[in-house]
């Protein structure tokens, strides 16, 4: 290394390599077609940035296979694209709480029983509950509700379950049940008398 460093004797630590000048003719060292071959899709600009699943314009596999049958609405759980997920918490896991403590999704996350407070929490009835707790979750099984109330605790649902209305079709009258007379038939005997 020279004693006096100045701009006239500065040199890089490693020797520098000149960059390849692609597409600059036969004298460039990359040939006539610059390593891209002759014509076609792969010789064009942007040909290597096709989106995932693109098959050159033909019908892609995802559109050739049969589609999902059945109802795909939000209420038709768990079919369709609107699937939801509930985080299960069993009664035996609530032993980490002290008697009289309030159990909420936030406190469950603090105790490490669930991962996220953005997803619904459902209380399941596996195990026994020996403490009186005030529990607020999005859903609960019938067994879990019975065991919480038997232990003297209270259970509040943060999200009421949707009750789907059953469609009632008017059934044809059976032989035992005679048909009710219409308004015209009911007036006919009164007119005769």
C-alpha atoms as a PDB file:
ATOM      1  CA  UNK A   1       0.000   0.000   0.000  1.00  0.00           C
ATOM      2  CA  UNK A   2       1.496   3.374  -0.958  1.00  0.00           C
ATOM      3  CA  UNK A   3       2.419   5.777   1.785  1.00  0.00           C
ATOM      4  CA  UNK A   4       0.680   8.801   0.331  1.00  0.00           C
ATOM      5  CA  UNK A   5      -2.979   8.045  -0.494  1.00  0.00           C
ATOM      6  CA  UNK A   6      -4.591  10.392  -2.946  1.00  0.00           C
ATOM      7  CA  UNK A   7      -7.100  10.263  -5.772  1.00  0.00           C
ATOM      8  CA  UNK A   8      -4.413   9.439  -8.333  1.00  0.00           C
ATOM      9  CA  UNK A   9      -3.357   6.146  -6.710  1.00  0.00           C
ATOM     10  CA  UNK A  10      -6.651   4.784  -5.280  1.00  0.00           C
ATOM     11  CA  UNK A  11      -7.427   1.243  -6.456  1.00  0.00           C
ATOM     12  CA  UNK A  12     -10.259  -1.212  -5.615  1.00  0.00           C
ATOM     13  CA  UNK A  13      -9.536  -4.100  -3.247  1.00  0.00           C
ATOM     14  CA  UNK A  14     -10.441  -6.670  -5.955  1.00  0.00           C
ATOM     15  CA  UNK A  15     -10.021  -6.161  -9.686  1.00  0.00           C
ATOM     16  CA  UNK A  16     -13.278  -5.035 -11.257  1.00  0.00           C
ATOM     17  CA  UNK A  17     -14.995  -6.973 -14.027  1.00  0.00           C
ATOM     18  CA  UNK A  18     -16.617  -5.137 -16.862  1.00  0.00           C
ATOM     19  CA  UNK A  19     -20.359  -5.666 -17.153  1.00  0.00           C
ATOM     20  CA  UNK A  20     -21.808  -7.696 -19.995  1.00  0.00           C
ATOM     21  CA  UNK A  21     -23.369  -5.486 -22.654  1.00  0.00           C
ATOM     22  CA  UNK A  22     -26.212  -7.729 -23.832  1.00  0.00           C
ATOM     23  CA  UNK A  23     -27.862  -7.130 -27.186  1.00  0.00           C
ATOM     24  CA  UNK A  24     -25.116  -4.966 -28.683  1.00  0.00           C
ATOM     25  CA  UNK A  25     -24.330  -6.956 -31.821  1.00  0.00           C
ATOM     26  CA  UNK A  26     -21.960  -9.701 -32.854  1.00  0.00           C
ATOM     27  CA  UNK A  27     -18.878  -8.107 -31.355  1.00  0.00           C
ATOM     28  CA  UNK A  28     -20.296  -7.948 -27.828  1.00  0.00           C
ATOM     29  CA  UNK A  29     -19.273 -11.479 -26.904  1.00  0.00           C
ATOM     30  CA  UNK A  30     -22.890 -12.574 -26.420  1.00  0.00           C
ATOM     31  CA  UNK A  31     -23.582 -13.433 -30.029  1.00  0.00           C
ATOM     32  CA  UNK A  32     -26.303 -12.471 -32.435  1.00  0.00           C
ATOM     33  CA  UNK A  33     -29.324 -13.276 -30.232  1.00  0.00           C
ATOM     34  CA  UNK A  34     -27.773 -12.490 -26.829  1.00  0.00           C
ATOM     35  CA  UNK A  35     -28.399 -15.977 -25.458  1.00  0.00           C
ATOM     36  CA  UNK A  36     -32.161 -15.854 -26.117  1.00  0.00           C
ATOM     37  CA  UNK A  37     -32.314 -18.069 -29.185  1.00  0.00           C
ATOM     38  CA  UNK A  38     -34.324 -17.285 -32.296  1.00  0.00           C
ATOM     39  CA  UNK A  39     -37.821 -15.767 -31.980  1.00  0.00           C
ATOM     40  CA  UNK A  40     -40.706 -17.077 -29.901  1.00  0.00           C
ATOM     41  CA  UNK A  41     -42.211 -16.145 -26.557  1.00  0.00           C
ATOM     42  CA  UNK A  42     -39.005 -16.625 -24.555  1.00  0.00           C
ATOM     43  CA  UNK A  43     -37.084 -14.236 -26.772  1.00  0.00           C
ATOM     44  CA  UNK A  44     -39.427 -11.368 -25.959  1.00  0.00           C
ATOM     45  CA  UNK A  45     -39.154  -8.844 -23.152  1.00  0.00           C
ATOM     46  CA  UNK A  46     -41.239  -9.687 -20.064  1.00  0.00           C
ATOM     47  CA  UNK A  47     -41.607 -13.333 -21.070  1.00  0.00           C
ATOM     48  CA  UNK A  48     -40.126 -14.567 -17.789  1.00  0.00           C
ATOM     49  CA  UNK A  49     -42.632 -12.750 -15.582  1.00  0.00           C
ATOM     50  CA  UNK A  50     -45.746 -14.808 -16.303  1.00  0.00           C
ATOM     51  CA  UNK A  51     -48.231 -15.008 -13.468  1.00  0.00           C
ATOM     52  CA  UNK A  52     -48.560 -18.248 -11.527  1.00  0.00           C
ATOM     53  CA  UNK A  53     -50.854 -20.708 -13.273  1.00  0.00           C
ATOM     54  CA  UNK A  54     -50.517 -19.114 -16.723  1.00  0.00           C
ATOM     55  CA  UNK A  55     -50.337 -21.835 -19.365  1.00  0.00           C
ATOM     56  CA  UNK A  56     -49.543 -19.844 -22.489  1.00  0.00           C
ATOM     57  CA  UNK A  57     -53.115 -18.846 -23.192  1.00  0.00           C
ATOM     58  CA  UNK A  58     -54.680 -22.302 -23.100  1.00  0.00           C
ATOM     59  CA  UNK A  59     -57.385 -23.061 -20.527  1.00  0.00           C
ATOM     60  CA  UNK A  60     -55.485 -23.414 -17.220  1.00  0.00           C
ATOM     61  CA  UNK A  61     -55.828 -26.446 -15.001  1.00  0.00           C
ATOM     62  CA  UNK A  62     -57.673 -24.532 -12.282  1.00  0.00           C
ATOM     63  CA  UNK A  63     -60.438 -23.741 -14.779  1.00  0.00           C
ATOM     64  CA  UNK A  64     -60.522 -27.203 -16.379  1.00  0.00           C
ATOM     65  CA  UNK A  65     -61.261 -29.170 -13.226  1.00  0.00           C
ATOM     66  CA  UNK A  66     -64.848 -29.533 -11.909  1.00  0.00           C
ATOM     67  CA  UNK A  67     -66.165 -26.738  -9.756  1.00  0.00           C
ATOM     68  CA  UNK A  68     -67.358 -26.926  -6.161  1.00  0.00           C
ATOM     69  CA  UNK A  69     -70.926 -28.126  -5.925  1.00  0.00           C
ATOM     70  CA  UNK A  70     -73.551 -26.917  -3.497  1.00  0.00           C
ATOM     71  CA  UNK A  71     -74.320 -23.701  -1.698  1.00  0.00           C
ATOM     72  CA  UNK A  72     -71.355 -21.388  -1.255  1.00  0.00           C
ATOM     73  CA  UNK A  73     -73.094 -18.603   0.653  1.00  0.00           C
ATOM     74  CA  UNK A  74     -71.785 -17.238   3.939  1.00  0.00           C
ATOM     75  CA  UNK A  75     -74.416 -19.107   5.958  1.00  0.00           C
ATOM     76  CA  UNK A  76     -73.633 -22.474   4.346  1.00  0.00           C
ATOM     77  CA  UNK A  77     -70.812 -23.294   6.719  1.00  0.00           C
ATOM     78  CA  UNK A  78     -68.281 -24.782   6.295  1.00  0.00           C
ATOM     79  CA  UNK A  79     -68.808 -25.108   2.534  1.00  0.00           C
ATOM     80  CA  UNK A  80     -67.559 -22.481   0.165  1.00  0.00           C
ATOM     81  CA  UNK A  81     -65.095 -19.626   0.259  1.00  0.00           C
ATOM     82  CA  UNK A  82     -66.520 -18.040   3.416  1.00  0.00           C
ATOM     83  CA  UNK A  83     -65.142 -20.561   5.884  1.00  0.00           C
ATOM     84  CA  UNK A  84     -64.719 -19.326   9.436  1.00  0.00           C
ATOM     85  CA  UNK A  85     -62.563 -20.756  12.179  1.00  0.00           C
ATOM     86  CA  UNK A  86     -63.176 -20.878  15.907  1.00  0.00           C
ATOM     87  CA  UNK A  87     -60.423 -21.376  18.422  1.00  0.00           C
ATOM     88  CA  UNK A  88     -61.350 -24.189  20.827  1.00  0.00           C
ATOM     89  CA  UNK A  89     -60.802 -23.814  24.565  1.00  0.00           C
ATOM     90  CA  UNK A  90     -61.671 -26.683  26.904  1.00  0.00           C
ATOM     91  CA  UNK A  91     -62.982 -26.315  30.457  1.00  0.00           C
ATOM     92  CA  UNK A  92     -59.915 -28.105  31.842  1.00  0.00           C
ATOM     93  CA  UNK A  93     -57.756 -25.261  30.465  1.00  0.00           C
ATOM     94  CA  UNK A  94     -59.542 -22.724  32.698  1.00  0.00           C
ATOM     95  CA  UNK A  95     -57.767 -24.045  35.808  1.00  0.00           C
ATOM     96  CA  UNK A  96     -55.175 -21.331  35.193  1.00  0.00           C
ATOM     97  CA  UNK A  97     -57.709 -18.714  36.301  1.00  0.00           C
ATOM     98  CA  UNK A  98     -58.466 -17.885  39.925  1.00  0.00           C
ATOM     99  CA  UNK A  99     -61.977 -18.247  41.342  1.00  0.00           C
ATOM    100  CA  UNK A 100     -64.190 -15.259  40.563  1.00  0.00           C
ATOM    101  CA  UNK A 101     -61.929 -14.077  37.751  1.00  0.00           C
ATOM    102  CA  UNK A 102     -63.361 -12.885  34.437  1.00  0.00           C
ATOM    103  CA  UNK A 103     -62.504 -14.976  31.368  1.00  0.00           C
ATOM    104  CA  UNK A 104     -62.437 -13.034  28.080  1.00  0.00           C
ATOM    105  CA  UNK A 105     -60.617 -13.580  24.770  1.00  0.00           C
ATOM    106  CA  UNK A 106     -58.021 -11.020  25.905  1.00  0.00           C
ATOM    107  CA  UNK A 107     -57.357 -12.849  29.190  1.00  0.00           C
ATOM    108  CA  UNK A 108     -57.212 -16.198  27.356  1.00  0.00           C
ATOM    109  CA  UNK A 109     -54.539 -14.765  25.054  1.00  0.00           C
ATOM    110  CA  UNK A 110     -52.625 -13.397  28.038  1.00  0.00           C
ATOM    111  CA  UNK A 111     -52.598 -16.891  29.589  1.00  0.00           C
ATOM    112  CA  UNK A 112     -51.431 -18.419  26.303  1.00  0.00           C
ATOM    113  CA  UNK A 113     -54.590 -20.462  25.666  1.00  0.00           C
ATOM    114  CA  UNK A 114     -55.364 -18.853  22.294  1.00  0.00           C
ATOM    115  CA  UNK A 115     -53.176 -17.237  19.659  1.00  0.00           C
ATOM    116  CA  UNK A 116     -55.326 -14.380  18.394  1.00  0.00           C
ATOM    117  CA  UNK A 117     -58.204 -12.274  19.688  1.00  0.00           C
ATOM    118  CA  UNK A 118     -59.374 -11.617  16.107  1.00  0.00           C
ATOM    119  CA  UNK A 119     -60.756 -15.139  15.720  1.00  0.00           C
ATOM    120  CA  UNK A 120     -63.821 -16.394  17.563  1.00  0.00           C
ATOM    121  CA  UNK A 121     -63.398 -18.474  20.718  1.00  0.00           C
ATOM    122  CA  UNK A 122     -65.593 -21.490  21.439  1.00  0.00           C
ATOM    123  CA  UNK A 123     -65.739 -23.111  24.870  1.00  0.00           C
ATOM    124  CA  UNK A 124     -65.874 -26.922  24.809  1.00  0.00           C
ATOM    125  CA  UNK A 125     -66.894 -29.228  27.635  1.00  0.00           C
ATOM    126  CA  UNK A 126     -63.832 -31.493  27.940  1.00  0.00           C
ATOM    127  CA  UNK A 127     -62.679 -31.689  31.554  1.00  0.00           C
ATOM    128  CA  UNK A 128     -64.221 -30.413  34.779  1.00  0.00           C
ATOM    129  CA  UNK A 129     -64.632 -26.897  36.133  1.00  0.00           C
ATOM    130  CA  UNK A 130     -64.297 -26.494  39.907  1.00  0.00           C
ATOM    131  CA  UNK A 131     -64.151 -22.694  40.096  1.00  0.00           C
ATOM    132  CA  UNK A 132     -66.786 -20.005  39.832  1.00  0.00           C
ATOM    133  CA  UNK A 133     -65.858 -17.963  36.762  1.00  0.00           C
ATOM    134  CA  UNK A 134     -67.462 -15.241  34.676  1.00  0.00           C
ATOM    135  CA  UNK A 135     -66.880 -16.319  31.087  1.00  0.00           C
ATOM    136  CA  UNK A 136     -67.432 -14.224  27.939  1.00  0.00           C
ATOM    137  CA  UNK A 137     -66.722 -16.071  24.677  1.00  0.00           C
ATOM    138  CA  UNK A 138     -68.191 -16.177  21.163  1.00  0.00           C
ATOM    139  CA  UNK A 139     -69.660 -19.679  21.404  1.00  0.00           C
ATOM    140  CA  UNK A 140     -70.035 -22.606  23.760  1.00  0.00           C
ATOM    141  CA  UNK A 141     -71.202 -26.196  23.577  1.00  0.00           C
ATOM    142  CA  UNK A 142     -74.226 -27.346  25.566  1.00  0.00           C
ATOM    143  CA  UNK A 143     -72.019 -29.503  27.811  1.00  0.00           C
ATOM    144  CA  UNK A 144     -69.718 -26.585  28.580  1.00  0.00           C
ATOM    145  CA  UNK A 145     -72.672 -24.348  29.462  1.00  0.00           C
ATOM    146  CA  UNK A 146     -74.082 -26.974  31.858  1.00  0.00           C
ATOM    147  CA  UNK A 147     -70.746 -27.461  33.632  1.00  0.00           C
ATOM    148  CA  UNK A 148     -70.122 -23.711  34.000  1.00  0.00           C
ATOM    149  CA  UNK A 149     -73.567 -23.159  35.519  1.00  0.00           C
ATOM    150  CA  UNK A 150     -73.166 -26.224  37.769  1.00  0.00           C
ATOM    151  CA  UNK A 151     -69.941 -24.703  39.145  1.00  0.00           C
ATOM    152  CA  UNK A 152     -71.825 -21.482  39.935  1.00  0.00           C
ATOM    153  CA  UNK A 153     -70.330 -19.427  37.112  1.00  0.00           C
ATOM    154  CA  UNK A 154     -71.954 -17.411  34.353  1.00  0.00           C
ATOM    155  CA  UNK A 155     -71.492 -17.741  30.602  1.00  0.00           C
ATOM    156  CA  UNK A 156     -72.120 -14.864  28.197  1.00  0.00           C
ATOM    157  CA  UNK A 157     -71.967 -15.219  24.417  1.00  0.00           C
ATOM    158  CA  UNK A 158     -70.320 -12.339  22.571  1.00  0.00           C
ATOM    159  CA  UNK A 159     -71.924 -13.381  19.282  1.00  0.00           C
ATOM    160  CA  UNK A 160     -75.447 -14.726  19.117  1.00  0.00           C
ATOM    161  CA  UNK A 161     -75.829 -17.764  16.881  1.00  0.00           C
ATOM    162  CA  UNK A 162     -77.964 -17.301  13.800  1.00  0.00           C
ATOM    163  CA  UNK A 163     -81.200 -19.238  13.930  1.00  0.00           C
ATOM    164  CA  UNK A 164     -82.111 -20.358  10.450  1.00  0.00           C
ATOM    165  CA  UNK A 165     -85.825 -20.211   9.752  1.00  0.00           C
ATOM    166  CA  UNK A 166     -87.242 -23.485   8.507  1.00  0.00           C
ATOM    167  CA  UNK A 167     -89.433 -23.241   5.461  1.00  0.00           C
ATOM    168  CA  UNK A 168     -92.893 -24.615   6.191  1.00  0.00           C
ATOM    169  CA  UNK A 169     -94.673 -26.097   3.209  1.00  0.00           C
ATOM    170  CA  UNK A 170     -98.405 -26.554   3.436  1.00  0.00           C
ATOM    171  CA  UNK A 171     -98.908 -30.310   3.476  1.00  0.00           C
ATOM    172  CA  UNK A 172    -101.791 -31.949   1.660  1.00  0.00           C
ATOM    173  CA  UNK A 173    -104.644 -32.848   4.072  1.00  0.00           C
ATOM    174  CA  UNK A 174    -104.728 -36.496   5.101  1.00  0.00           C
ATOM    175  CA  UNK A 175    -107.817 -38.724   5.110  1.00  0.00           C
ATOM    176  CA  UNK A 176    -108.258 -38.191   8.870  1.00  0.00           C
ATOM    177  CA  UNK A 177    -108.302 -34.402   8.482  1.00  0.00           C
ATOM    178  CA  UNK A 178    -111.152 -33.232   6.207  1.00  0.00           C
ATOM    179  CA  UNK A 179    -110.504 -30.117   4.167  1.00  0.00           C
ATOM    180  CA  UNK A 180    -111.870 -26.850   5.528  1.00  0.00           C
ATOM    181  CA  UNK A 181    -114.739 -25.535   3.371  1.00  0.00           C
ATOM    182  CA  UNK A 182    -113.993 -22.480   1.307  1.00  0.00           C
ATOM    183  CA  UNK A 183    -115.896 -19.204   1.767  1.00  0.00           C
ATOM    184  CA  UNK A 184    -118.249 -19.990  -1.161  1.00  0.00           C
ATOM    185  CA  UNK A 185    -119.064 -23.489   0.153  1.00  0.00           C
ATOM    186  CA  UNK A 186    -119.745 -22.146   3.649  1.00  0.00           C
ATOM    187  CA  UNK A 187    -122.265 -19.557   2.333  1.00  0.00           C
ATOM    188  CA  UNK A 188    -124.130 -22.011   0.052  1.00  0.00           C
ATOM    189  CA  UNK A 189    -126.043 -23.956   2.811  1.00  0.00           C
ATOM    190  CA  UNK A 190    -127.001 -20.682   4.559  1.00  0.00           C
ATOM    191  CA  UNK A 191    -128.542 -19.373   1.325  1.00  0.00           C
ATOM    192  CA  UNK A 192    -130.641 -22.527   0.831  1.00  0.00           C
ATOM    193  CA  UNK A 193    -132.143 -22.342   4.376  1.00  0.00           C
END
